[in-house]
Protein backbone atom coordinates (compact mmCIF):
# COMPACT_ATOMS: atom_id res chain seq x y z
CA MET A 1 161.32 28.66 40.05
CA GLY A 2 163.84 26.89 36.92
CA THR A 3 162.55 26.90 33.42
CA ASN A 4 161.11 23.37 33.67
CA MET A 5 158.62 24.56 36.05
CA THR A 6 154.95 23.57 35.80
CA VAL A 7 152.26 26.42 36.64
CA ASN A 8 148.85 24.88 37.10
CA SER A 9 147.27 28.24 37.18
CA ILE A 10 147.38 32.11 36.25
CA ARG A 11 145.36 34.73 37.56
CA GLY A 12 144.50 37.74 36.13
CA LYS A 13 142.01 40.62 37.12
CA ARG A 14 138.96 39.21 35.48
CA VAL A 15 140.25 35.46 33.94
CA LEU A 16 141.75 32.92 35.30
CA LEU A 17 144.02 30.03 33.56
CA ARG A 18 143.86 26.83 34.78
CA LYS A 19 143.96 23.15 33.82
CA PRO A 20 140.74 21.46 33.01
CA THR A 21 138.06 20.64 35.15
CA PRO A 22 135.20 18.45 34.95
CA ARG A 23 132.56 21.09 34.65
CA ASP A 24 134.33 22.57 31.68
CA PHE A 25 132.65 19.57 29.36
CA VAL A 26 129.29 21.43 29.89
CA ASP A 27 130.52 24.75 28.89
CA TYR A 28 132.69 23.04 25.86
CA VAL A 29 129.62 21.36 24.36
CA SER A 30 127.29 24.13 24.72
CA TYR A 31 129.01 26.58 22.57
CA ASP A 32 127.47 27.34 19.15
CA CYS A 33 129.94 26.28 16.44
CA GLY A 34 128.65 28.90 14.10
CA SER A 35 130.57 30.00 10.82
CA GLU A 36 131.95 33.36 12.65
CA LEU A 37 134.11 31.13 14.91
CA MET A 38 134.85 28.28 12.82
CA ARG A 39 136.18 30.83 10.29
CA MET A 40 138.52 32.85 13.09
CA LEU A 41 139.92 29.32 14.27
CA GLY A 42 140.85 28.55 10.71
CA ARG A 43 138.28 25.40 10.00
CA ASP A 44 135.62 25.29 7.59
CA HIS A 45 132.32 23.80 7.38
CA THR A 46 133.37 20.35 6.12
CA GLN A 47 135.26 20.07 9.14
CA PRO A 48 133.56 17.57 11.75
CA LEU A 49 131.67 19.45 14.46
CA MET A 50 133.66 20.30 17.43
CA ASN A 51 131.24 20.60 20.21
CA THR A 52 130.36 16.58 20.84
CA HIS A 53 131.82 14.41 23.78
CA GLU A 54 134.27 13.04 22.26
CA ALA A 55 135.73 16.36 20.69
CA ALA A 56 135.63 17.67 24.60
CA VAL A 57 137.58 14.60 25.95
CA THR A 58 140.17 15.20 23.13
CA TYR A 59 140.40 18.95 23.50
CA PHE A 60 140.78 18.97 27.26
CA GLU A 61 143.16 15.97 27.41
CA ASN A 62 145.35 17.88 24.98
CA ILE A 63 145.13 20.89 27.47
CA ARG A 64 145.56 18.74 30.56
CA SER A 65 148.66 17.07 29.39
CA ALA A 66 150.54 20.14 27.81
CA GLU A 67 153.00 22.03 30.39
CA HIS A 68 151.81 25.29 29.07
CA LYS A 69 148.53 25.28 28.06
CA TRP A 70 145.39 26.51 29.83
CA CYS A 71 141.87 26.93 29.81
CA ILE A 72 140.59 30.45 30.53
CA GLU A 73 137.82 30.74 33.02
CA TYR A 74 135.83 33.67 32.91
CA GLU A 75 133.06 34.75 35.34
CA GLY A 76 133.13 31.32 36.77
CA ARG A 77 133.09 29.50 33.32
CA PHE A 78 135.18 28.03 30.98
CA ILE A 79 135.44 30.17 27.83
CA GLY A 80 138.34 28.93 25.97
CA LYS A 81 141.94 28.11 26.01
CA ALA A 82 144.97 29.45 25.25
CA GLY A 83 149.13 28.23 25.77
CA LEU A 84 152.60 28.36 24.37
CA ARG A 85 154.58 25.15 22.48
CA HIS A 86 157.68 26.01 24.31
CA GLN A 87 161.05 25.02 22.63
CA ALA A 88 163.47 25.27 25.50
CA ALA A 89 166.45 24.71 23.27
CA ASP A 90 165.98 27.87 21.28
CA HIS A 91 164.73 29.88 24.03
CA ARG A 92 161.02 30.54 22.25
CA ALA A 93 157.78 29.88 22.34
CA ARG A 94 154.65 29.30 19.65
CA TYR A 95 151.32 31.32 21.07
CA SER A 96 148.06 30.34 20.31
CA ILE A 97 144.23 31.15 22.22
CA SER A 98 141.12 30.66 20.87
CA ILE A 99 137.82 32.23 22.75
CA LEU A 100 135.33 29.80 21.99
CA ASP A 101 132.06 31.59 23.59
CA THR A 102 131.54 34.54 21.26
CA SER A 103 129.62 36.60 23.97
CA CYS A 104 133.14 37.46 25.27
CA TRP A 105 134.69 38.98 22.29
CA GLY A 106 135.30 42.39 21.85
CA LYS A 107 135.81 42.78 25.71
CA GLY A 108 139.28 42.82 26.10
CA ILE A 109 139.52 39.20 27.31
CA GLY A 110 142.10 37.99 24.82
CA THR A 111 144.44 40.91 25.61
CA GLU A 112 144.50 40.27 29.25
CA VAL A 113 145.25 36.36 28.60
CA THR A 114 147.74 37.28 25.80
CA GLU A 115 149.85 40.14 28.39
CA LEU A 116 149.49 37.20 31.12
CA ILE A 117 150.96 34.81 29.02
CA LEU A 118 153.79 36.73 28.19
CA GLN A 119 154.44 38.31 31.54
CA TYR A 120 154.82 34.04 32.14
CA ALA A 121 157.05 33.38 29.26
CA PHE A 122 159.28 35.94 29.60
CA GLU A 123 159.32 36.38 33.39
CA LYS A 124 159.11 32.69 34.40
CA LEU A 125 160.48 30.72 31.67
CA ARG A 126 162.80 33.61 30.35
CA LEU A 127 161.88 32.98 27.01
CA HIS A 128 163.99 34.98 24.13
CA ARG A 129 161.21 35.38 21.51
CA VAL A 130 157.54 34.23 21.58
CA ASP A 131 155.69 34.43 18.28
CA LEU A 132 152.41 33.41 16.48
CA ARG A 133 150.19 33.08 13.23
CA VAL A 134 146.95 34.44 12.56
CA LEU A 135 145.10 34.67 9.92
CA GLU A 136 145.24 37.86 7.87
CA TYR A 137 141.24 38.90 7.88
CA ASN A 138 141.13 38.05 11.98
CA ARG A 139 141.27 41.86 12.52
CA ARG A 140 140.42 41.83 16.26
CA ALA A 141 142.92 38.92 16.79
CA ARG A 142 145.44 40.86 15.06
CA ALA A 143 144.60 44.55 16.88
CA CYS A 144 144.88 42.50 20.39
CA TYR A 145 148.55 40.97 19.55
CA GLU A 146 149.64 44.87 18.45
CA LYS A 147 148.45 45.86 21.48
CA CYS A 148 150.19 43.74 23.22
CA GLY A 149 153.50 44.34 21.37
CA PHE A 150 153.60 41.87 18.59
CA VAL A 151 155.31 43.00 15.53
CA VAL A 152 154.23 41.72 12.06
CA GLU A 153 157.37 39.68 10.79
CA GLY A 154 155.79 38.48 7.37
CA VAL A 155 153.20 36.33 5.89
CA GLU A 156 152.61 32.99 4.50
CA ARG A 157 150.33 33.81 1.28
CA GLU A 158 147.53 31.63 0.82
CA GLY A 159 148.70 28.73 2.90
CA ALA A 160 145.65 27.88 4.43
CA PHE A 161 142.57 26.48 2.13
CA ILE A 162 139.41 27.67 4.42
CA ASP A 163 135.69 27.19 2.75
CA GLY A 164 137.27 26.92 -0.55
CA ARG A 165 139.51 29.84 -0.53
CA TYR A 166 143.03 30.01 0.07
CA GLU A 167 143.73 32.32 3.20
CA THR A 168 147.31 33.96 4.30
CA ASP A 169 148.46 33.67 7.56
CA VAL A 170 150.48 36.55 9.49
CA ILE A 171 153.56 35.82 11.54
CA MET A 172 153.94 38.00 14.10
CA SER A 173 156.10 37.73 17.38
CA ILE A 174 157.84 39.55 20.35
CA LEU A 175 161.28 39.69 21.57
CA ASP A 176 162.18 39.94 25.37
CA ARG A 177 163.84 43.23 25.01
CA GLU A 178 160.65 44.52 23.55
CA TYR A 179 158.38 43.45 26.43
CA ASN A 180 160.63 44.54 28.37
CA ALA A 181 160.64 48.07 27.24
CA LEU A 182 157.02 47.74 26.67
CA ASN A 183 156.48 47.26 30.57
CA LYS A 184 158.89 49.90 31.45
CA LEU A 185 156.06 52.35 29.83
CA ARG A 186 153.02 50.67 31.79
């Protein structure tokens, strides 16, 4: 496989990363877009609701049309999305994940998805670097990323305005040699 490949699905032990299916709409619009979920996604209460039919169409079209984005399926249902924004010229990508089903938080699903995407990024795409941004207050996500080998590079102080407050983003990354060293220990 070359670096311009398209992978429609990636299977893990408990999750399947795949392109959207029509049944995903039902799951998407059923999720409670409560304050905790919205805060973890970096959205405030003044932004439009995300679980409308129109929002779902846009959400899934974004995944469908992107080469390196997938829906997360867990126990036969859609629970969120994950992907890479690939910058081929620099051999790097920006990682993002969102688990919309809050009942799936704290079960190691984010860690499994992150490990699958890092494997894809470093072993299939042959990237040199994967980075991400995470809100400083999202301790659960930060712990997941650290467990997967990401290291903190720095912060962007008060760069996000959420619910009337300026919040700080933490910038994290993992390099190919760090990924390889970590996987030799496993």
